[in-house]
């Protein structure tokens, strides 16, 4: 079922949102989806950082020690899962403002499936060239935003006009959340938890 929903969100997103809205799987189903899809960027990021090396400019690829790459991957995995749950909480919290009353599972479904392209684009880390990963990441962000704008009216059962404003509010909160995660990462790195490079 997870793969069916993923394919549907890429092939015919509006119809797939309607299918998801009608079925409303359990909280456990959404959790399994997030935990599974979040493995993609974590595993690919670990392999690229420890075994391939990142090409940033004209110099030699930059690699991390295996222990450091593992630590970074586990941290990234945890941050992505926390980020999806925080986004679901924000969606749930803002719902009353827009005359919607979803349960937390519906909010988590919306957050999980909206963030799927961002998580799946992690596979591009297997070709760790900075410009390529950045371009793929921007495309994934654009598609995730599109999924959010198309999914909110359907999942929250509100008119499209309200859905647009609701989605815009979620995008704004999502950007604040992303900046917060980046700031927390910078603080942790400055406290000595930064990466260790292979000499």
N, C-alpha and C. Protein backbone atom coordinates (compact mmCIF):
# COMPACT_ATOMS: atom_id res chain seq x y z
N UNK A 1 0.82 -1.21 0.00
CA UNK A 1 0.00 0.00 0.00
C UNK A 1 0.86 1.26 0.00
N UNK A 2 1.97 1.25 0.76
CA UNK A 2 2.83 2.43 0.81
C UNK A 2 3.32 2.77 -0.60
N UNK A 3 3.80 1.75 -1.34
CA UNK A 3 4.31 1.99 -2.68
C UNK A 3 3.19 2.46 -3.62
N UNK A 4 1.97 1.95 -3.44
CA UNK A 4 0.84 2.39 -4.26
C UNK A 4 0.58 3.87 -4.07
N UNK A 5 0.58 4.32 -2.81
CA UNK A 5 0.34 5.73 -2.53
C UNK A 5 1.46 6.60 -3.11
N UNK A 6 2.70 6.13 -2.98
CA UNK A 6 3.82 6.92 -3.51
C UNK A 6 3.69 7.07 -5.02
N UNK A 7 3.41 5.98 -5.72
CA UNK A 7 3.24 6.05 -7.16
C UNK A 7 2.08 6.97 -7.52
N UNK A 8 0.98 6.84 -6.80
CA UNK A 8 -0.19 7.67 -7.07
C UNK A 8 0.07 9.14 -6.85
N UNK A 9 0.86 9.49 -5.83
CA UNK A 9 1.16 10.89 -5.56
C UNK A 9 2.00 11.52 -6.67
N UNK A 10 2.77 10.69 -7.37
CA UNK A 10 3.55 11.21 -8.50
C UNK A 10 2.75 11.17 -9.80
N UNK A 11 1.96 10.13 -9.99
CA UNK A 11 1.25 9.94 -11.27
C UNK A 11 -0.05 10.75 -11.35
N UNK A 12 -0.84 10.73 -10.29
CA UNK A 12 -2.13 11.46 -10.28
C UNK A 12 -2.42 11.91 -8.85
N UNK A 13 -1.76 13.01 -8.42
CA UNK A 13 -1.80 13.41 -7.00
C UNK A 13 -3.19 13.71 -6.45
N UNK A 14 -4.03 14.44 -7.20
CA UNK A 14 -5.34 14.80 -6.66
C UNK A 14 -6.20 13.56 -6.41
N UNK A 15 -6.19 12.64 -7.36
CA UNK A 15 -6.96 11.41 -7.18
C UNK A 15 -6.42 10.59 -6.01
N UNK A 16 -5.09 10.58 -5.86
CA UNK A 16 -4.49 9.82 -4.77
C UNK A 16 -4.81 10.43 -3.41
N UNK A 17 -4.85 11.76 -3.34
CA UNK A 17 -5.25 12.41 -2.09
C UNK A 17 -6.68 12.01 -1.72
N UNK A 18 -7.53 11.93 -2.72
CA UNK A 18 -8.92 11.54 -2.44
C UNK A 18 -8.98 10.09 -1.93
N UNK A 19 -8.16 9.22 -2.50
CA UNK A 19 -8.09 7.83 -2.03
C UNK A 19 -7.60 7.77 -0.59
N UNK A 20 -6.54 8.54 -0.29
CA UNK A 20 -5.99 8.56 1.07
C UNK A 20 -7.03 9.10 2.05
N UNK A 21 -7.76 10.13 1.63
CA UNK A 21 -8.77 10.75 2.50
C UNK A 21 -9.92 9.80 2.80
N UNK A 22 -10.28 8.99 1.81
CA UNK A 22 -11.39 8.04 2.02
C UNK A 22 -10.98 6.88 2.93
N UNK A 23 -9.74 6.43 2.81
CA UNK A 23 -9.31 5.24 3.56
C UNK A 23 -8.87 5.56 4.98
N UNK A 24 -8.14 6.65 5.15
CA UNK A 24 -7.61 7.04 6.47
C UNK A 24 -7.03 5.86 7.23
N UNK A 25 -5.83 5.45 6.82
CA UNK A 25 -5.18 4.35 7.51
C UNK A 25 -4.86 4.73 8.96
N UNK A 26 -4.37 3.77 9.71
CA UNK A 26 -4.11 3.98 11.13
C UNK A 26 -2.86 4.83 11.35
N UNK A 27 -2.70 5.28 12.59
CA UNK A 27 -1.51 6.02 12.97
C UNK A 27 -0.26 5.19 12.74
N UNK A 28 -0.34 3.90 13.01
CA UNK A 28 0.80 3.00 12.82
C UNK A 28 1.21 2.94 11.35
N UNK A 29 0.24 2.95 10.45
CA UNK A 29 0.54 2.91 9.02
C UNK A 29 1.34 4.14 8.60
N UNK A 30 0.89 5.32 9.06
CA UNK A 30 1.62 6.56 8.74
C UNK A 30 3.01 6.53 9.34
N UNK A 31 3.11 6.01 10.55
CA UNK A 31 4.42 5.93 11.21
C UNK A 31 5.37 5.02 10.44
N UNK A 32 4.87 3.87 10.00
CA UNK A 32 5.70 2.94 9.22
C UNK A 32 6.15 3.62 7.91
N UNK A 33 5.24 4.37 7.29
CA UNK A 33 5.60 5.09 6.05
C UNK A 33 6.76 6.03 6.30
N UNK A 34 6.66 6.84 7.36
CA UNK A 34 7.71 7.83 7.65
C UNK A 34 9.02 7.13 7.98
N UNK A 35 8.96 6.13 8.85
CA UNK A 35 10.18 5.44 9.27
C UNK A 35 10.87 4.75 8.10
N UNK A 36 10.08 4.24 7.14
CA UNK A 36 10.65 3.55 5.98
C UNK A 36 11.26 4.53 4.99
N UNK A 37 10.50 5.55 4.61
CA UNK A 37 10.98 6.49 3.59
C UNK A 37 12.16 7.31 4.10
N UNK A 38 12.19 7.61 5.40
CA UNK A 38 13.30 8.40 5.96
C UNK A 38 14.62 7.63 5.94
N UNK A 39 14.56 6.30 5.75
CA UNK A 39 15.79 5.52 5.64
C UNK A 39 16.55 5.84 4.36
N UNK A 40 15.84 6.26 3.31
CA UNK A 40 16.49 6.49 2.01
C UNK A 40 17.59 7.54 2.10
N UNK A 41 17.29 8.77 2.55
CA UNK A 41 18.38 9.76 2.61
C UNK A 41 19.44 9.42 3.65
N UNK A 42 19.04 8.75 4.74
CA UNK A 42 20.01 8.41 5.78
C UNK A 42 21.04 7.40 5.29
N UNK A 43 20.55 6.34 4.65
CA UNK A 43 21.47 5.30 4.16
C UNK A 43 22.32 5.82 3.00
N UNK A 44 21.67 6.51 2.06
CA UNK A 44 22.41 7.05 0.90
C UNK A 44 23.42 8.10 1.35
N UNK A 45 23.02 8.95 2.31
CA UNK A 45 23.93 9.97 2.83
C UNK A 45 25.13 9.36 3.52
N UNK A 46 24.89 8.30 4.30
CA UNK A 46 26.00 7.62 4.98
C UNK A 46 26.98 7.05 3.95
N UNK A 47 26.44 6.33 2.97
CA UNK A 47 27.32 5.69 1.98
C UNK A 47 28.12 6.73 1.19
N UNK A 48 27.44 7.82 0.81
CA UNK A 48 28.13 8.86 0.04
C UNK A 48 29.22 9.53 0.86
N UNK A 49 28.92 9.84 2.12
CA UNK A 49 29.89 10.55 2.96
C UNK A 49 31.08 9.69 3.35
N UNK A 50 30.83 8.40 3.61
CA UNK A 50 31.91 7.54 4.11
C UNK A 50 32.68 6.82 3.00
N UNK A 51 32.02 6.52 1.88
CA UNK A 51 32.66 5.65 0.89
C UNK A 51 32.89 6.29 -0.48
N UNK A 52 32.07 7.27 -0.86
CA UNK A 52 32.24 7.89 -2.18
C UNK A 52 32.96 9.23 -2.04
N UNK A 53 32.46 10.08 -1.18
CA UNK A 53 33.04 11.41 -1.00
C UNK A 53 32.26 12.45 -1.79
N UNK A 54 32.10 13.62 -1.18
CA UNK A 54 31.34 14.71 -1.81
C UNK A 54 32.25 15.57 -2.67
N UNK A 55 31.82 15.83 -3.91
CA UNK A 55 32.55 16.72 -4.80
C UNK A 55 31.91 18.10 -4.73
N UNK A 56 32.64 19.05 -4.16
CA UNK A 56 32.09 20.39 -3.98
C UNK A 56 32.66 21.34 -5.03
N UNK A 57 33.90 21.19 -5.34
CA UNK A 57 34.52 22.04 -6.36
C UNK A 57 35.42 21.22 -7.25
N UNK A 58 36.56 21.82 -7.61
CA UNK A 58 37.48 21.13 -8.50
C UNK A 58 38.45 20.22 -7.75
N UNK A 59 38.46 20.30 -6.42
CA UNK A 59 39.40 19.50 -5.63
C UNK A 59 38.97 18.05 -5.48
N UNK A 60 39.70 17.34 -4.63
CA UNK A 60 39.39 15.93 -4.35
C UNK A 60 38.08 15.83 -3.58
N UNK A 61 37.38 14.71 -3.73
CA UNK A 61 36.15 14.50 -2.96
C UNK A 61 36.42 14.52 -1.45
N UNK A 62 35.46 15.04 -0.69
CA UNK A 62 35.57 15.12 0.76
C UNK A 62 34.82 13.95 1.38
N UNK A 63 35.53 13.18 2.22
CA UNK A 63 34.90 12.02 2.86
C UNK A 63 34.98 12.16 4.37
N UNK A 64 34.01 11.54 5.04
CA UNK A 64 33.99 11.49 6.50
C UNK A 64 34.46 10.12 6.96
N UNK A 65 34.91 10.04 8.20
CA UNK A 65 35.21 8.73 8.77
C UNK A 65 33.89 7.95 8.88
N UNK A 66 33.97 6.64 8.88
CA UNK A 66 32.75 5.83 8.94
C UNK A 66 31.95 6.10 10.21
N UNK A 67 32.66 6.27 11.33
CA UNK A 67 31.97 6.54 12.59
C UNK A 67 31.24 7.89 12.55
N UNK A 68 31.92 8.90 12.01
CA UNK A 68 31.31 10.22 11.92
C UNK A 68 30.13 10.22 10.95
N UNK A 69 30.28 9.53 9.82
CA UNK A 69 29.19 9.45 8.84
C UNK A 69 27.99 8.74 9.44
N UNK A 70 28.23 7.68 10.24
CA UNK A 70 27.14 6.96 10.89
C UNK A 70 26.43 7.87 11.89
N UNK A 71 27.20 8.61 12.67
CA UNK A 71 26.63 9.53 13.65
C UNK A 71 25.77 10.59 12.95
N UNK A 72 26.27 11.14 11.86
CA UNK A 72 25.53 12.16 11.11
C UNK A 72 24.25 11.57 10.50
N UNK A 73 24.33 10.35 9.99
CA UNK A 73 23.17 9.71 9.37
C UNK A 73 22.07 9.43 10.38
N UNK A 74 22.47 8.94 11.55
CA UNK A 74 21.48 8.67 12.61
C UNK A 74 20.84 9.97 13.07
N UNK A 75 21.66 11.01 13.22
CA UNK A 75 21.13 12.33 13.60
C UNK A 75 20.17 12.87 12.56
N UNK A 76 20.53 12.70 11.28
CA UNK A 76 19.66 13.17 10.20
C UNK A 76 18.35 12.39 10.19
N UNK A 77 18.41 11.10 10.42
CA UNK A 77 17.21 10.26 10.46
C UNK A 77 16.26 10.74 11.56
N UNK A 78 16.81 10.96 12.74
CA UNK A 78 16.00 11.44 13.85
C UNK A 78 15.42 12.82 13.57
N UNK A 79 16.21 13.71 12.99
CA UNK A 79 15.74 15.07 12.70
C UNK A 79 14.61 15.06 11.67
N UNK A 80 14.72 14.19 10.66
CA UNK A 80 13.66 14.12 9.64
C UNK A 80 12.35 13.62 10.23
N UNK A 81 12.43 12.60 11.08
CA UNK A 81 11.21 12.06 11.70
C UNK A 81 10.59 13.10 12.63
N UNK A 82 11.43 13.75 13.43
CA UNK A 82 10.92 14.81 14.32
C UNK A 82 10.31 15.95 13.51
N UNK A 83 10.95 16.28 12.37
CA UNK A 83 10.44 17.35 11.51
C UNK A 83 9.06 17.04 10.95
N UNK A 84 8.85 15.79 10.52
CA UNK A 84 7.54 15.40 9.99
C UNK A 84 6.48 15.46 11.09
N UNK A 85 6.83 14.98 12.29
CA UNK A 85 5.87 15.03 13.40
C UNK A 85 5.57 16.47 13.81
N UNK A 86 6.59 17.33 13.80
CA UNK A 86 6.37 18.74 14.13
C UNK A 86 5.46 19.39 13.09
N UNK A 87 5.68 19.06 11.81
CA UNK A 87 4.81 19.59 10.76
C UNK A 87 3.37 19.11 10.94
N UNK A 88 3.21 17.84 11.28
CA UNK A 88 1.86 17.30 11.54
C UNK A 88 1.19 18.02 12.69
N UNK A 89 1.97 18.30 13.75
CA UNK A 89 1.42 19.04 14.89
C UNK A 89 0.98 20.43 14.47
N UNK A 90 1.79 21.11 13.65
CA UNK A 90 1.43 22.45 13.18
C UNK A 90 0.16 22.42 12.32
N UNK A 91 0.06 21.41 11.46
CA UNK A 91 -1.14 21.25 10.62
C UNK A 91 -2.36 21.05 11.50
N UNK A 92 -2.22 20.21 12.51
CA UNK A 92 -3.32 19.92 13.43
C UNK A 92 -3.69 21.16 14.26
N UNK A 93 -2.68 21.87 14.72
CA UNK A 93 -2.87 23.05 15.56
C UNK A 93 -3.57 24.18 14.81
N UNK A 94 -3.22 24.36 13.54
CA UNK A 94 -3.81 25.46 12.75
C UNK A 94 -5.19 25.13 12.19
N UNK A 95 -5.61 23.88 12.28
CA UNK A 95 -6.84 23.45 11.62
C UNK A 95 -8.07 24.23 12.08
N UNK A 96 -8.19 24.48 13.37
CA UNK A 96 -9.38 25.17 13.88
C UNK A 96 -9.52 26.57 13.31
N UNK A 97 -8.41 27.21 13.04
CA UNK A 97 -8.43 28.55 12.45
C UNK A 97 -9.12 28.54 11.09
N UNK A 98 -9.02 27.42 10.39
CA UNK A 98 -9.58 27.32 9.04
C UNK A 98 -10.83 26.44 9.00
N UNK A 99 -11.54 26.37 10.13
CA UNK A 99 -12.81 25.64 10.24
C UNK A 99 -12.69 24.17 9.83
N UNK A 100 -11.61 23.56 10.26
CA UNK A 100 -11.41 22.14 10.00
C UNK A 100 -11.17 21.45 11.34
N UNK A 101 -11.54 20.20 11.43
CA UNK A 101 -11.33 19.48 12.69
C UNK A 101 -10.78 18.07 12.43
N UNK A 102 -9.56 17.99 11.86
CA UNK A 102 -8.98 16.66 11.62
C UNK A 102 -8.47 16.05 12.92
N UNK A 103 -8.36 14.73 12.95
CA UNK A 103 -7.66 14.13 14.08
C UNK A 103 -6.16 14.14 13.76
N UNK A 104 -5.34 13.76 14.75
CA UNK A 104 -3.90 13.85 14.54
C UNK A 104 -3.43 12.91 13.44
N UNK A 105 -4.09 11.76 13.28
CA UNK A 105 -3.69 10.81 12.24
C UNK A 105 -3.84 11.42 10.86
N UNK A 106 -4.94 12.16 10.62
CA UNK A 106 -5.12 12.83 9.33
C UNK A 106 -4.02 13.86 9.09
N UNK A 107 -3.69 14.61 10.13
CA UNK A 107 -2.63 15.61 10.01
C UNK A 107 -1.29 14.96 9.73
N UNK A 108 -1.05 13.81 10.39
CA UNK A 108 0.20 13.09 10.16
C UNK A 108 0.25 12.52 8.75
N UNK A 109 -0.87 12.02 8.25
CA UNK A 109 -0.92 11.53 6.87
C UNK A 109 -0.54 12.64 5.89
N UNK A 110 -1.13 13.81 6.09
CA UNK A 110 -0.84 14.94 5.20
C UNK A 110 0.63 15.31 5.27
N UNK A 111 1.18 15.40 6.48
CA UNK A 111 2.60 15.74 6.64
C UNK A 111 3.50 14.67 6.04
N UNK A 112 3.17 13.40 6.27
CA UNK A 112 4.01 12.30 5.79
C UNK A 112 4.05 12.23 4.27
N UNK A 113 2.88 12.29 3.64
CA UNK A 113 2.85 12.17 2.18
C UNK A 113 3.35 13.43 1.49
N UNK A 114 3.17 14.58 2.13
CA UNK A 114 3.70 15.82 1.55
C UNK A 114 5.22 15.82 1.58
N UNK A 115 5.81 15.28 2.64
CA UNK A 115 7.27 15.28 2.76
C UNK A 115 7.93 14.13 2.00
N UNK A 116 7.15 13.23 1.45
CA UNK A 116 7.71 12.06 0.75
C UNK A 116 8.70 12.44 -0.36
N UNK A 117 8.38 13.39 -1.28
CA UNK A 117 9.38 13.73 -2.31
C UNK A 117 10.69 14.25 -1.72
N UNK A 118 10.60 15.02 -0.63
CA UNK A 118 11.82 15.54 0.01
C UNK A 118 12.68 14.41 0.58
N UNK A 119 12.03 13.40 1.11
CA UNK A 119 12.77 12.28 1.68
C UNK A 119 13.32 11.36 0.58
N UNK A 120 12.52 11.13 -0.44
CA UNK A 120 12.95 10.22 -1.51
C UNK A 120 14.08 10.79 -2.36
N UNK A 121 14.17 12.12 -2.42
CA UNK A 121 15.23 12.73 -3.24
C UNK A 121 16.60 12.46 -2.61
N UNK A 122 16.61 11.94 -1.40
CA UNK A 122 17.88 11.58 -0.75
C UNK A 122 18.67 10.55 -1.53
N UNK A 123 18.02 9.84 -2.43
CA UNK A 123 18.73 8.85 -3.24
C UNK A 123 19.79 9.51 -4.14
N UNK A 124 19.62 10.81 -4.41
CA UNK A 124 20.59 11.52 -5.25
C UNK A 124 21.95 11.64 -4.55
N UNK A 125 21.99 11.40 -3.24
CA UNK A 125 23.27 11.43 -2.53
C UNK A 125 24.23 10.37 -3.04
N UNK A 126 23.71 9.36 -3.73
CA UNK A 126 24.59 8.35 -4.31
C UNK A 126 25.41 8.89 -5.48
N UNK A 127 25.04 10.07 -5.97
CA UNK A 127 25.86 10.81 -6.95
C UNK A 127 26.20 12.14 -6.28
N UNK A 128 27.13 12.13 -5.31
CA UNK A 128 27.33 13.28 -4.43
C UNK A 128 28.10 14.44 -5.05
N UNK A 129 27.48 15.06 -6.04
CA UNK A 129 28.01 16.27 -6.64
C UNK A 129 27.06 17.39 -6.21
N UNK A 130 27.60 18.42 -5.60
CA UNK A 130 26.78 19.42 -4.92
C UNK A 130 25.71 20.04 -5.82
N UNK A 131 26.07 20.47 -7.04
CA UNK A 131 25.10 21.15 -7.89
C UNK A 131 23.95 20.23 -8.27
N UNK A 132 24.25 18.93 -8.48
CA UNK A 132 23.22 17.97 -8.85
C UNK A 132 22.25 17.74 -7.70
N UNK A 133 22.79 17.55 -6.49
CA UNK A 133 21.94 17.31 -5.32
C UNK A 133 21.09 18.54 -5.01
N UNK A 134 21.67 19.74 -5.15
CA UNK A 134 20.91 20.97 -4.90
C UNK A 134 19.77 21.12 -5.90
N UNK A 135 20.02 20.88 -7.17
CA UNK A 135 18.96 20.98 -8.20
C UNK A 135 17.85 19.97 -7.94
N UNK A 136 18.23 18.74 -7.61
CA UNK A 136 17.23 17.71 -7.31
C UNK A 136 16.44 18.08 -6.06
N UNK A 137 17.12 18.63 -5.07
CA UNK A 137 16.46 19.06 -3.84
C UNK A 137 15.45 20.17 -4.07
N UNK A 138 15.80 21.13 -4.92
CA UNK A 138 14.88 22.23 -5.24
C UNK A 138 13.64 21.70 -5.96
N UNK A 139 13.85 20.75 -6.87
CA UNK A 139 12.70 20.15 -7.56
C UNK A 139 11.80 19.40 -6.57
N UNK A 140 12.41 18.69 -5.62
CA UNK A 140 11.64 17.96 -4.61
C UNK A 140 10.85 18.91 -3.71
N UNK A 141 11.47 20.03 -3.33
CA UNK A 141 10.77 21.03 -2.52
C UNK A 141 9.57 21.57 -3.27
N UNK A 142 9.77 21.89 -4.55
CA UNK A 142 8.67 22.42 -5.36
C UNK A 142 7.53 21.42 -5.44
N UNK A 143 7.84 20.14 -5.62
CA UNK A 143 6.78 19.14 -5.73
C UNK A 143 6.09 18.90 -4.39
N UNK A 144 6.86 18.95 -3.30
CA UNK A 144 6.26 18.80 -1.97
C UNK A 144 5.28 19.94 -1.69
N UNK A 145 5.66 21.15 -2.08
CA UNK A 145 4.76 22.31 -1.90
C UNK A 145 3.50 22.11 -2.75
N UNK A 146 3.67 21.62 -3.98
CA UNK A 146 2.51 21.34 -4.83
C UNK A 146 1.59 20.30 -4.18
N UNK A 147 2.19 19.24 -3.64
CA UNK A 147 1.39 18.21 -2.97
C UNK A 147 0.63 18.79 -1.78
N UNK A 148 1.27 19.68 -1.06
CA UNK A 148 0.61 20.30 0.09
C UNK A 148 -0.58 21.14 -0.36
N UNK A 149 -0.37 21.97 -1.38
CA UNK A 149 -1.46 22.83 -1.87
C UNK A 149 -2.62 22.02 -2.45
N UNK A 150 -2.29 20.90 -3.10
CA UNK A 150 -3.37 20.08 -3.67
C UNK A 150 -4.02 19.19 -2.62
N UNK A 151 -3.28 18.83 -1.57
CA UNK A 151 -3.79 17.89 -0.58
C UNK A 151 -4.58 18.51 0.56
N UNK A 152 -4.25 19.74 0.94
CA UNK A 152 -4.91 20.36 2.11
C UNK A 152 -6.43 20.45 1.94
N UNK A 153 -6.96 20.98 0.82
CA UNK A 153 -8.43 21.07 0.72
C UNK A 153 -9.11 19.70 0.81
N UNK A 154 -8.46 18.67 0.24
CA UNK A 154 -9.06 17.34 0.23
C UNK A 154 -8.96 16.68 1.61
N UNK A 155 -7.78 16.71 2.20
CA UNK A 155 -7.57 16.03 3.48
C UNK A 155 -8.25 16.75 4.65
N UNK A 156 -8.32 18.08 4.57
CA UNK A 156 -8.91 18.85 5.67
C UNK A 156 -10.39 19.16 5.45
N UNK A 157 -10.91 18.75 4.26
CA UNK A 157 -12.32 18.97 3.92
C UNK A 157 -12.74 20.43 4.04
N UNK A 158 -11.98 21.28 3.37
CA UNK A 158 -12.29 22.71 3.36
C UNK A 158 -12.27 23.20 1.91
N UNK A 159 -12.89 24.36 1.63
CA UNK A 159 -12.88 24.90 0.26
C UNK A 159 -11.45 25.23 -0.19
N UNK A 160 -11.25 25.25 -1.51
CA UNK A 160 -9.91 25.50 -2.05
C UNK A 160 -9.37 26.87 -1.67
N UNK A 161 -10.26 27.87 -1.53
CA UNK A 161 -9.79 29.22 -1.18
C UNK A 161 -9.14 29.19 0.21
N UNK A 162 -9.84 28.56 1.16
CA UNK A 162 -9.28 28.44 2.51
C UNK A 162 -8.06 27.53 2.49
N UNK A 163 -8.12 26.49 1.65
CA UNK A 163 -7.01 25.56 1.55
C UNK A 163 -5.73 26.24 1.11
N UNK A 164 -5.85 27.23 0.22
CA UNK A 164 -4.67 27.96 -0.26
C UNK A 164 -4.02 28.73 0.88
N UNK A 165 -4.83 29.42 1.68
CA UNK A 165 -4.29 30.21 2.80
C UNK A 165 -3.72 29.27 3.86
N UNK A 166 -4.44 28.18 4.12
CA UNK A 166 -3.99 27.17 5.09
C UNK A 166 -2.63 26.62 4.65
N UNK A 167 -2.53 26.23 3.38
CA UNK A 167 -1.28 25.67 2.85
C UNK A 167 -0.14 26.67 2.95
N UNK A 168 -0.45 27.93 2.64
CA UNK A 168 0.59 28.97 2.72
C UNK A 168 1.08 29.13 4.15
N UNK A 169 0.17 29.03 5.11
CA UNK A 169 0.56 29.11 6.52
C UNK A 169 1.44 27.93 6.90
N UNK A 170 1.09 26.74 6.41
CA UNK A 170 1.89 25.54 6.70
C UNK A 170 3.27 25.66 6.09
N UNK A 171 3.36 26.16 4.85
CA UNK A 171 4.66 26.34 4.18
C UNK A 171 5.53 27.30 4.99
N UNK A 172 4.93 28.40 5.46
CA UNK A 172 5.68 29.37 6.27
C UNK A 172 6.20 28.72 7.54
N UNK A 173 5.32 27.99 8.24
CA UNK A 173 5.75 27.29 9.46
C UNK A 173 6.81 26.24 9.16
N UNK A 174 6.66 25.57 8.02
CA UNK A 174 7.64 24.57 7.62
C UNK A 174 9.01 25.18 7.38
N UNK A 175 9.05 26.37 6.79
CA UNK A 175 10.33 27.05 6.57
C UNK A 175 10.97 27.45 7.90
N UNK A 176 10.14 27.92 8.84
CA UNK A 176 10.66 28.26 10.17
C UNK A 176 11.21 27.00 10.85
N UNK A 177 10.50 25.89 10.69
CA UNK A 177 10.94 24.61 11.27
C UNK A 177 12.28 24.18 10.66
N UNK A 178 12.41 24.33 9.35
CA UNK A 178 13.66 23.96 8.67
C UNK A 178 14.83 24.81 9.16
N UNK A 179 14.61 26.11 9.29
CA UNK A 179 15.66 27.01 9.79
C UNK A 179 16.03 26.64 11.23
N UNK A 180 15.03 26.26 12.03
CA UNK A 180 15.29 25.86 13.42
C UNK A 180 16.16 24.61 13.48
N UNK A 181 15.88 23.65 12.61
CA UNK A 181 16.69 22.41 12.56
C UNK A 181 18.12 22.74 12.14
N UNK A 182 18.26 23.63 11.15
CA UNK A 182 19.60 24.01 10.70
C UNK A 182 20.36 24.75 11.80
N UNK A 183 19.66 25.62 12.53
CA UNK A 183 20.31 26.35 13.64
C UNK A 183 20.74 25.39 14.74
N UNK A 184 19.88 24.40 15.05
CA UNK A 184 20.23 23.41 16.07
C UNK A 184 21.44 22.59 15.64
N UNK A 185 21.51 22.27 14.34
CA UNK A 185 22.67 21.53 13.81
C UNK A 185 23.94 22.35 13.96
N UNK A 186 23.87 23.64 13.63
CA UNK A 186 25.05 24.51 13.75
C UNK A 186 25.51 24.61 15.20
N UNK A 187 24.55 24.69 16.13
CA UNK A 187 24.91 24.76 17.55
C UNK A 187 25.59 23.48 18.00
N UNK A 188 25.03 22.33 17.58
CA UNK A 188 25.63 21.05 17.95
C UNK A 188 27.04 20.91 17.38
N UNK A 189 27.23 21.36 16.14
CA UNK A 189 28.56 21.27 15.52
C UNK A 189 29.55 22.14 16.29
N UNK A 190 29.10 23.32 16.73
CA UNK A 190 30.00 24.21 17.47
C UNK A 190 30.33 23.67 18.85
N UNK A 191 29.52 22.74 19.36
CA UNK A 191 29.76 22.12 20.67
C UNK A 191 30.65 20.88 20.57
N UNK A 192 31.15 20.61 19.38
CA UNK A 192 32.08 19.49 19.22
C UNK A 192 31.48 18.24 18.60
N UNK A 193 30.23 18.33 18.13
CA UNK A 193 29.59 17.17 17.51
C UNK A 193 29.66 17.23 15.98
N UNK A 194 30.58 18.01 15.46
CA UNK A 194 30.71 18.17 14.02
C UNK A 194 31.34 16.95 13.36
N UNK A 195 31.38 16.95 12.02
CA UNK A 195 31.91 15.79 11.29
C UNK A 195 33.42 15.68 11.42
N UNK A 196 33.92 14.45 11.29
CA UNK A 196 35.37 14.19 11.27
C UNK A 196 35.73 13.74 9.85
N UNK A 197 36.63 14.47 9.24
CA UNK A 197 36.98 14.20 7.85
C UNK A 197 38.15 13.22 7.74
N UNK A 198 38.15 12.47 6.63
CA UNK A 198 39.27 11.59 6.33
C UNK A 198 40.41 12.44 5.80
N UNK A 199 41.56 12.29 6.38
CA UNK A 199 42.71 13.12 5.96
C UNK A 199 43.17 12.75 4.56
